[in-house]
Protein backbone atom coordinates (compact mmCIF):
# COMPACT_ATOMS: atom_id res chain seq x y z
CA UNK A 1 12.32 -22.35 50.89
CA UNK A 2 9.73 -20.20 49.34
CA UNK A 3 8.78 -17.15 51.71
CA UNK A 4 6.36 -14.34 50.59
CA UNK A 5 6.00 -11.76 53.16
CA UNK A 6 3.07 -9.26 53.00
CA UNK A 7 3.12 -5.92 54.64
CA UNK A 8 1.05 -2.54 54.43
CA UNK A 9 -2.26 -3.75 55.22
CA UNK A 10 -4.25 -1.66 57.68
CA UNK A 11 -7.69 0.32 58.63
CA UNK A 12 -8.74 3.10 56.22
CA UNK A 13 -11.71 5.41 55.36
CA UNK A 14 -13.60 4.95 52.25
CA UNK A 15 -11.88 6.82 49.48
CA UNK A 16 -8.58 6.35 51.07
CA UNK A 17 -5.50 4.66 49.75
CA UNK A 18 -2.99 1.80 50.95
CA UNK A 19 0.05 0.32 49.26
CA UNK A 20 0.66 -3.39 50.02
CA UNK A 21 4.26 -4.98 49.53
CA UNK A 22 5.45 -8.52 49.06
CA UNK A 23 8.87 -9.56 49.38
CA UNK A 24 9.50 -12.75 47.78
CA UNK A 25 12.66 -15.23 48.57
CA UNK A 26 13.40 -18.70 47.38
CA UNK A 27 11.86 -18.27 44.03
CA UNK A 28 13.56 -17.21 40.50
CA UNK A 29 11.36 -13.93 41.07
CA UNK A 30 12.18 -12.35 37.86
CA UNK A 31 10.84 -15.54 35.93
CA UNK A 32 7.63 -15.70 38.13
CA UNK A 33 4.21 -14.43 37.60
CA UNK A 34 3.16 -12.62 40.72
CA UNK A 35 -0.28 -11.81 41.98
CA UNK A 36 -2.51 -10.40 44.64
CA UNK A 37 -5.44 -12.36 45.68
CA UNK A 38 -8.20 -11.46 48.36
CA UNK A 39 -10.69 -13.24 50.55
CA UNK A 40 -13.45 -11.69 52.31
CA UNK A 41 -15.56 -13.34 55.15
CA UNK A 42 -17.80 -15.99 53.85
CA UNK A 43 -16.35 -15.96 50.33
CA UNK A 44 -13.87 -17.56 48.26
CA UNK A 45 -10.48 -16.45 47.45
CA UNK A 46 -10.30 -14.47 44.16
CA UNK A 47 -7.76 -12.69 42.06
CA UNK A 48 -7.34 -9.03 42.34
CA UNK A 49 -4.23 -8.28 40.03
CA UNK A 50 -1.49 -10.47 38.35
CA UNK A 51 1.58 -9.21 36.53
CA UNK A 52 3.72 -11.70 34.46
CA UNK A 53 7.38 -11.62 34.40
CA UNK A 54 7.50 -9.41 31.45
CA UNK A 55 5.36 -6.73 33.24
CA UNK A 56 2.04 -7.46 31.80
CA UNK A 57 -0.75 -6.78 34.30
CA UNK A 58 -4.25 -8.03 34.73
CA UNK A 59 -7.15 -6.90 36.93
CA UNK A 60 -10.63 -7.96 38.24
CA UNK A 61 -13.00 -5.70 36.90
CA UNK A 62 -14.38 -4.35 40.17
CA UNK A 63 -10.79 -2.81 40.83
CA UNK A 64 -9.75 -1.42 37.35
CA UNK A 65 -8.96 2.31 37.43
CA UNK A 66 -8.13 2.04 41.30
CA UNK A 67 -5.78 -0.64 41.83
CA UNK A 68 -2.32 -0.72 40.11
CA UNK A 69 0.21 -3.73 40.39
CA UNK A 70 3.78 -3.56 39.97
CA UNK A 71 6.93 -5.23 40.62
CA UNK A 72 10.69 -4.36 41.14
CA UNK A 73 12.72 -7.34 40.16
CA UNK A 74 15.78 -5.72 41.71
CA UNK A 75 14.26 -6.01 45.16
CA UNK A 76 12.22 -9.12 44.63
CA UNK A 77 9.04 -7.50 45.62
CA UNK A 78 5.49 -6.93 44.33
CA UNK A 79 3.36 -4.03 45.18
CA UNK A 80 -0.51 -3.26 44.84
CA UNK A 81 -1.31 0.37 45.00
CA UNK A 82 -4.91 0.80 46.06
CA UNK A 83 -6.84 4.04 45.63
CA UNK A 84 -10.40 5.18 46.01
CA UNK A 85 -10.90 2.32 48.42
CA UNK A 86 -14.54 0.93 49.01
CA UNK A 87 -15.85 -0.96 52.07
CA UNK A 88 -16.58 -4.03 49.67
CA UNK A 89 -12.66 -3.87 49.36
CA UNK A 90 -12.44 -5.20 52.74
CA UNK A 91 -10.51 -8.69 52.89
CA UNK A 92 -7.32 -10.53 53.68
CA UNK A 93 -4.97 -9.78 50.71
CA UNK A 94 -2.72 -12.62 49.95
CA UNK A 95 0.37 -12.38 47.78
CA UNK A 96 0.91 -15.16 45.34
CA UNK A 97 3.78 -16.43 43.29
CA UNK A 98 3.40 -18.71 40.37
CA UNK A 99 6.31 -20.63 38.84
CA UNK A 100 5.42 -24.23 38.14
CA UNK A 101 3.92 -24.31 41.71
CA UNK A 102 1.50 -21.45 43.14
CA UNK A 103 3.00 -20.22 46.38
CA UNK A 104 1.19 -18.04 49.02
CA UNK A 105 1.82 -15.49 51.76
CA UNK A 106 0.47 -15.43 55.08
CA UNK A 107 -2.00 -12.61 54.22
CA UNK A 108 -2.47 -9.07 55.52
CA UNK A 109 -5.76 -7.62 56.51
CA UNK A 110 -7.25 -4.61 54.73
CA UNK A 111 -10.44 -2.97 56.30
CA UNK A 112 -12.28 -0.04 54.68
CA UNK A 113 -14.67 1.71 56.82
CA UNK A 114 -17.75 3.72 55.38
């Protein structure tokens, strides 16, 4: 059974930082593409950042230079370091694992106050 458990969300002021973590189990983590997606109220879920099994990362333009995705294959964990947060970053953030099938975590709320 695949499980993706996110943590690290919360309330932060604009300009602040948060670090999200996602612990994975039930998948061959080292061979999986991991990612972070977000969904704001009334909007569709969209990609924030993804990192391949080889460590290659891609970001949506709006977070480039502010967010960093990383992975620790020894801990089966993927991270999202979010700096210089803006109110428009407010959303539920979901961890994703892609290995033939895409799996999702339960989501963690990130709220950025102005």
